[in-house]
Amino acid sequence: MRNLIFALIGFVLLSCSEDAEDVLNCGVDGNMIEKIEWLSIEVDRIRSSPEINGIVLYKYEGREVVELQEAIRSSTNQTQFHCDGTRIDFNDSEKFNDYLQNRVELKVLFGTKIWN
């Protein structure tokens, strides 16, 4: 009986652990780049140089933010989008600084993270 209890506890603990691939990002199960059209188009545009470009998924103010990190746009760093492809307006420097300080990196979706 005791072995059965330990087996059940082990099963419950293992089934509750989250595998990174099982987590929904932007409401998508699996590869976001393949399943989100606008994101797939952006990756195709920068695919030839993944060492100087990247796409990073962050969480900010309870929402996921997709950030395109491109060497060509490094001086502006104004390429943050909601999951639906809507660009986030960070023209207010205070709001942008708040974003930079309080965002939480979830994962690199493509290429190389080039901005801190």
N, C-alpha and C. Protein backbone atom coordinates (compact mmCIF):
# COMPACT_ATOMS: atom_id res chain seq x y z
N MET A 1 0.82 -1.20 0.00
CA MET A 1 0.00 0.00 0.00
C MET A 1 0.86 1.27 0.00
N ARG A 2 1.93 1.23 0.80
CA ARG A 2 2.80 2.39 0.88
C ARG A 2 3.46 2.66 -0.48
N ASN A 3 3.85 1.60 -1.19
CA ASN A 3 4.43 1.77 -2.52
C ASN A 3 3.45 2.40 -3.49
N LEU A 4 2.19 2.03 -3.38
CA LEU A 4 1.15 2.62 -4.23
C LEU A 4 1.00 4.11 -3.95
N ILE A 5 1.05 4.49 -2.67
CA ILE A 5 0.93 5.91 -2.31
C ILE A 5 2.11 6.70 -2.87
N PHE A 6 3.33 6.15 -2.72
CA PHE A 6 4.51 6.83 -3.26
C PHE A 6 4.44 6.93 -4.78
N ALA A 7 3.95 5.88 -5.40
CA ALA A 7 3.81 5.90 -6.86
C ALA A 7 2.81 6.97 -7.29
N LEU A 8 1.70 7.09 -6.58
CA LEU A 8 0.70 8.11 -6.90
C LEU A 8 1.26 9.52 -6.68
N ILE A 9 1.98 9.71 -5.59
CA ILE A 9 2.57 11.02 -5.32
C ILE A 9 3.58 11.37 -6.42
N GLY A 10 4.41 10.41 -6.79
CA GLY A 10 5.37 10.64 -7.87
C GLY A 10 4.69 10.98 -9.17
N PHE A 11 3.61 10.27 -9.50
CA PHE A 11 2.87 10.54 -10.73
C PHE A 11 2.30 11.95 -10.72
N VAL A 12 1.71 12.35 -9.59
CA VAL A 12 1.13 13.69 -9.48
C VAL A 12 2.21 14.75 -9.64
N LEU A 13 3.34 14.57 -8.98
CA LEU A 13 4.42 15.56 -9.08
C LEU A 13 4.96 15.66 -10.50
N LEU A 14 5.14 14.54 -11.15
CA LEU A 14 5.65 14.57 -12.52
C LEU A 14 4.65 15.15 -13.49
N SER A 15 3.38 14.88 -13.29
CA SER A 15 2.38 15.40 -14.22
C SER A 15 2.14 16.88 -14.03
N CYS A 16 2.50 17.42 -12.88
CA CYS A 16 2.31 18.85 -12.63
C CYS A 16 3.47 19.70 -13.13
N SER A 17 4.61 19.08 -13.39
CA SER A 17 5.74 19.87 -13.87
C SER A 17 5.47 20.34 -15.29
N GLU A 18 5.86 21.60 -15.54
CA GLU A 18 5.60 22.19 -16.85
C GLU A 18 6.81 22.03 -17.74
N ASP A 19 6.64 21.39 -18.85
CA ASP A 19 7.68 21.32 -19.86
C ASP A 19 7.59 22.60 -20.67
N ALA A 20 8.73 23.22 -20.97
CA ALA A 20 8.73 24.51 -21.68
C ALA A 20 7.96 24.43 -22.99
N GLU A 21 7.95 23.28 -23.63
CA GLU A 21 7.26 23.15 -24.91
C GLU A 21 5.74 23.08 -24.74
N ASP A 22 5.28 22.77 -23.52
CA ASP A 22 3.85 22.65 -23.28
C ASP A 22 3.20 23.99 -22.95
N VAL A 23 4.00 25.01 -22.69
CA VAL A 23 3.47 26.31 -22.31
C VAL A 23 2.94 27.02 -23.54
N LEU A 24 1.75 27.60 -23.42
CA LEU A 24 1.19 28.39 -24.51
C LEU A 24 1.84 29.77 -24.49
N ASN A 25 2.39 30.18 -25.60
CA ASN A 25 2.91 31.54 -25.75
C ASN A 25 2.07 32.22 -26.81
N CYS A 26 1.57 33.39 -26.48
CA CYS A 26 0.68 34.14 -27.37
C CYS A 26 -0.53 33.29 -27.75
N GLY A 27 -0.95 32.40 -26.85
CA GLY A 27 -2.11 31.56 -27.10
C GLY A 27 -1.88 30.46 -28.11
N VAL A 28 -0.61 30.21 -28.44
CA VAL A 28 -0.27 29.23 -29.46
C VAL A 28 0.40 28.03 -28.80
N ASP A 29 -0.06 26.86 -29.16
CA ASP A 29 0.56 25.64 -28.70
C ASP A 29 1.60 25.21 -29.73
N GLY A 30 2.85 25.24 -29.36
CA GLY A 30 3.89 24.85 -30.29
C GLY A 30 4.68 26.04 -30.81
N ASN A 31 5.20 25.90 -32.00
CA ASN A 31 6.09 26.88 -32.60
C ASN A 31 5.34 28.13 -33.06
N MET A 32 5.56 29.22 -32.34
CA MET A 32 4.89 30.49 -32.66
C MET A 32 5.25 30.98 -34.05
N ILE A 33 6.51 30.79 -34.43
CA ILE A 33 6.96 31.31 -35.73
C ILE A 33 6.22 30.64 -36.87
N GLU A 34 5.95 29.37 -36.74
CA GLU A 34 5.21 28.66 -37.78
C GLU A 34 3.72 28.97 -37.76
N LYS A 35 3.19 29.30 -36.59
CA LYS A 35 1.74 29.41 -36.45
C LYS A 35 1.20 30.84 -36.46
N ILE A 36 2.07 31.84 -36.30
CA ILE A 36 1.63 33.24 -36.33
C ILE A 36 2.15 33.87 -37.61
N GLU A 37 1.24 34.19 -38.50
CA GLU A 37 1.63 34.62 -39.85
C GLU A 37 2.56 35.83 -39.87
N TRP A 38 2.22 36.90 -39.15
CA TRP A 38 3.05 38.10 -39.20
C TRP A 38 4.45 37.82 -38.67
N LEU A 39 4.56 36.94 -37.68
CA LEU A 39 5.85 36.59 -37.10
C LEU A 39 6.68 35.76 -38.09
N SER A 40 6.02 34.88 -38.79
CA SER A 40 6.68 34.07 -39.81
C SER A 40 7.26 34.95 -40.92
N ILE A 41 6.53 35.98 -41.30
CA ILE A 41 7.00 36.92 -42.32
C ILE A 41 8.24 37.66 -41.83
N GLU A 42 8.23 38.09 -40.56
CA GLU A 42 9.40 38.79 -40.00
C GLU A 42 10.62 37.88 -39.96
N VAL A 43 10.43 36.63 -39.57
CA VAL A 43 11.56 35.69 -39.53
C VAL A 43 12.11 35.47 -40.92
N ASP A 44 11.24 35.31 -41.91
CA ASP A 44 11.71 35.13 -43.29
C ASP A 44 12.55 36.32 -43.75
N ARG A 45 12.19 37.50 -43.30
CA ARG A 45 12.89 38.72 -43.68
C ARG A 45 14.31 38.77 -43.10
N ILE A 46 14.51 38.23 -41.89
CA ILE A 46 15.81 38.31 -41.24
C ILE A 46 16.54 36.95 -41.16
N ARG A 47 15.95 35.93 -41.76
CA ARG A 47 16.48 34.56 -41.65
C ARG A 47 17.94 34.44 -42.09
N SER A 48 18.38 35.23 -43.04
CA SER A 48 19.73 35.08 -43.58
C SER A 48 20.83 35.53 -42.62
N SER A 49 20.47 36.23 -41.55
CA SER A 49 21.52 36.69 -40.63
C SER A 49 21.09 36.54 -39.16
N PRO A 50 20.94 35.30 -38.70
CA PRO A 50 20.50 35.07 -37.32
C PRO A 50 21.53 35.46 -36.26
N GLU A 51 22.78 35.64 -36.67
CA GLU A 51 23.80 36.02 -35.70
C GLU A 51 23.74 37.50 -35.32
N ILE A 52 23.09 38.34 -36.13
CA ILE A 52 22.97 39.77 -35.81
C ILE A 52 21.52 40.22 -35.68
N ASN A 53 20.60 39.28 -35.69
CA ASN A 53 19.18 39.58 -35.53
C ASN A 53 18.56 38.53 -34.62
N GLY A 54 17.51 38.94 -33.93
CA GLY A 54 16.83 37.99 -33.07
C GLY A 54 15.40 38.41 -32.82
N ILE A 55 14.61 37.46 -32.35
CA ILE A 55 13.23 37.73 -31.93
C ILE A 55 13.10 37.12 -30.53
N VAL A 56 12.73 37.98 -29.57
CA VAL A 56 12.68 37.58 -28.17
C VAL A 56 11.27 37.81 -27.64
N LEU A 57 10.79 36.84 -26.87
CA LEU A 57 9.47 36.94 -26.25
C LEU A 57 9.65 37.37 -24.80
N TYR A 58 8.97 38.45 -24.43
CA TYR A 58 9.00 38.98 -23.07
C TYR A 58 7.59 38.98 -22.50
N LYS A 59 7.50 39.18 -21.19
CA LYS A 59 6.23 39.45 -20.53
C LYS A 59 6.37 40.82 -19.90
N TYR A 60 5.37 41.68 -20.13
CA TYR A 60 5.37 43.03 -19.58
C TYR A 60 3.94 43.43 -19.27
N GLU A 61 3.74 43.91 -18.07
CA GLU A 61 2.40 44.31 -17.61
C GLU A 61 1.36 43.22 -17.85
N GLY A 62 1.75 41.98 -17.61
CA GLY A 62 0.83 40.86 -17.72
C GLY A 62 0.55 40.38 -19.13
N ARG A 63 1.21 40.96 -20.11
CA ARG A 63 1.01 40.55 -21.51
C ARG A 63 2.33 40.13 -22.13
N GLU A 64 2.23 39.28 -23.12
CA GLU A 64 3.42 38.87 -23.84
C GLU A 64 3.76 39.91 -24.90
N VAL A 65 5.05 40.16 -25.04
CA VAL A 65 5.55 41.14 -26.00
C VAL A 65 6.60 40.45 -26.87
N VAL A 66 6.42 40.57 -28.17
CA VAL A 66 7.39 40.04 -29.12
C VAL A 66 8.28 41.21 -29.54
N GLU A 67 9.57 41.06 -29.31
CA GLU A 67 10.51 42.13 -29.64
C GLU A 67 11.42 41.68 -30.77
N LEU A 68 11.41 42.45 -31.86
CA LEU A 68 12.31 42.20 -32.97
C LEU A 68 13.61 42.94 -32.68
N GLN A 69 14.69 42.21 -32.60
CA GLN A 69 15.99 42.81 -32.32
C GLN A 69 16.84 42.70 -33.58
N GLU A 70 16.91 43.80 -34.29
CA GLU A 70 17.62 43.81 -35.56
C GLU A 70 18.78 44.79 -35.50
N ALA A 71 19.92 44.36 -35.99
CA ALA A 71 21.10 45.23 -36.01
C ALA A 71 20.81 46.52 -36.75
N ILE A 72 20.03 46.44 -37.82
CA ILE A 72 19.74 47.63 -38.63
C ILE A 72 18.89 48.65 -37.87
N ARG A 73 18.13 48.20 -36.87
CA ARG A 73 17.28 49.11 -36.09
C ARG A 73 17.81 49.32 -34.68
N SER A 74 19.08 49.05 -34.46
CA SER A 74 19.62 49.07 -33.10
C SER A 74 19.59 50.45 -32.46
N SER A 75 19.57 51.51 -33.24
CA SER A 75 19.58 52.85 -32.65
C SER A 75 18.21 53.26 -32.11
N THR A 76 17.14 52.63 -32.58
CA THR A 76 15.81 53.03 -32.13
C THR A 76 15.19 52.06 -31.13
N ASN A 77 15.42 50.79 -31.28
CA ASN A 77 14.84 49.76 -30.42
C ASN A 77 13.35 50.01 -30.20
N GLN A 78 12.64 50.29 -31.24
CA GLN A 78 11.19 50.53 -31.16
C GLN A 78 10.44 49.47 -31.95
N THR A 79 10.74 48.22 -31.69
CA THR A 79 10.16 47.14 -32.46
C THR A 79 9.53 46.09 -31.55
N GLN A 80 8.64 46.55 -30.69
CA GLN A 80 7.92 45.67 -29.78
C GLN A 80 6.48 45.55 -30.25
N PHE A 81 5.96 44.31 -30.19
CA PHE A 81 4.63 44.04 -30.71
C PHE A 81 3.84 43.17 -29.73
N HIS A 82 2.52 43.38 -29.75
CA HIS A 82 1.64 42.44 -29.08
C HIS A 82 1.55 41.19 -29.95
N CYS A 83 1.00 40.14 -29.39
CA CYS A 83 0.95 38.86 -30.10
C CYS A 83 0.18 38.94 -31.42
N ASP A 84 -0.76 39.86 -31.52
CA ASP A 84 -1.54 39.97 -32.76
C ASP A 84 -0.82 40.77 -33.84
N GLY A 85 0.40 41.24 -33.56
CA GLY A 85 1.17 41.99 -34.54
C GLY A 85 1.03 43.49 -34.41
N THR A 86 0.25 43.97 -33.46
CA THR A 86 0.09 45.40 -33.24
C THR A 86 1.34 45.96 -32.57
N ARG A 87 1.92 46.97 -33.20
CA ARG A 87 3.13 47.59 -32.64
C ARG A 87 2.77 48.34 -31.35
N ILE A 88 3.65 48.22 -30.36
CA ILE A 88 3.46 48.91 -29.09
C ILE A 88 4.14 50.27 -29.19
N ASP A 89 3.43 51.31 -28.82
CA ASP A 89 3.95 52.68 -28.90
C ASP A 89 4.76 52.99 -27.64
N PHE A 90 6.06 53.02 -27.78
CA PHE A 90 6.95 53.37 -26.68
C PHE A 90 7.64 54.70 -26.95
N ASN A 91 6.95 55.64 -27.59
CA ASN A 91 7.53 56.94 -27.86
C ASN A 91 7.73 57.75 -26.58
N ASP A 92 6.97 57.45 -25.53
CA ASP A 92 7.15 58.09 -24.23
C ASP A 92 8.36 57.43 -23.56
N SER A 93 9.42 58.20 -23.35
CA SER A 93 10.67 57.63 -22.83
C SER A 93 10.50 57.01 -21.44
N GLU A 94 9.63 57.57 -20.61
CA GLU A 94 9.39 56.98 -19.29
C GLU A 94 8.77 55.59 -19.41
N LYS A 95 7.79 55.48 -20.30
CA LYS A 95 7.14 54.18 -20.50
C LYS A 95 8.14 53.17 -21.08
N PHE A 96 8.96 53.61 -22.02
CA PHE A 96 9.94 52.72 -22.61
C PHE A 96 10.96 52.27 -21.56
N ASN A 97 11.44 53.19 -20.72
CA ASN A 97 12.37 52.82 -19.66
C ASN A 97 11.73 51.85 -18.67
N ASP A 98 10.45 52.06 -18.37
CA ASP A 98 9.73 51.14 -17.49
C ASP A 98 9.68 49.75 -18.12
N TYR A 99 9.41 49.71 -19.42
CA TYR A 99 9.42 48.43 -20.14
C TYR A 99 10.77 47.75 -20.02
N LEU A 100 11.84 48.48 -20.30
CA LEU A 100 13.18 47.89 -20.25
C LEU A 100 13.53 47.37 -18.86
N GLN A 101 13.08 48.06 -17.82
CA GLN A 101 13.41 47.66 -16.45
C GLN A 101 12.52 46.54 -15.93
N ASN A 102 11.30 46.44 -16.41
CA ASN A 102 10.34 45.52 -15.80
C ASN A 102 9.90 44.35 -16.67
N ARG A 103 10.38 44.29 -17.88
CA ARG A 103 10.03 43.14 -18.73
C ARG A 103 10.73 41.90 -18.20
N VAL A 104 10.13 40.76 -18.47
CA VAL A 104 10.70 39.48 -18.07
C VAL A 104 10.89 38.65 -19.33
N GLU A 105 12.11 38.23 -19.57
CA GLU A 105 12.39 37.42 -20.76
C GLU A 105 11.80 36.03 -20.58
N LEU A 106 11.01 35.61 -21.59
CA LEU A 106 10.46 34.26 -21.59
C LEU A 106 11.32 33.31 -22.41
N LYS A 107 11.67 33.74 -23.64
CA LYS A 107 12.57 32.91 -24.45
C LYS A 107 12.93 33.63 -25.75
N VAL A 108 14.05 33.18 -26.32
CA VAL A 108 14.48 33.65 -27.63
C VAL A 108 13.77 32.77 -28.65
N LEU A 109 13.00 33.38 -29.53
CA LEU A 109 12.23 32.64 -30.54
C LEU A 109 13.04 32.37 -31.79
N PHE A 110 13.96 33.27 -32.11
CA PHE A 110 14.76 33.12 -33.33
C PHE A 110 16.06 33.90 -33.17
N GLY A 111 17.12 33.37 -33.75
CA GLY A 111 18.37 34.09 -33.86
C GLY A 111 19.07 34.34 -32.53
N THR A 112 19.68 35.52 -32.44
CA THR A 112 20.51 35.88 -31.31
C THR A 112 19.93 37.12 -30.62
N LYS A 113 19.82 37.03 -29.32
CA LYS A 113 19.39 38.20 -28.55
C LYS A 113 20.54 39.20 -28.59
N ILE A 114 20.31 40.36 -29.22
CA ILE A 114 21.41 41.31 -29.39
C ILE A 114 21.30 42.52 -28.46
N TRP A 115 20.16 42.73 -27.83
CA TRP A 115 19.98 43.84 -26.89
C TRP A 115 19.71 43.29 -25.51
N ASN A 116 20.21 43.98 -24.52
CA ASN A 116 19.96 43.56 -23.13
C ASN A 116 18.64 44.04 -22.63
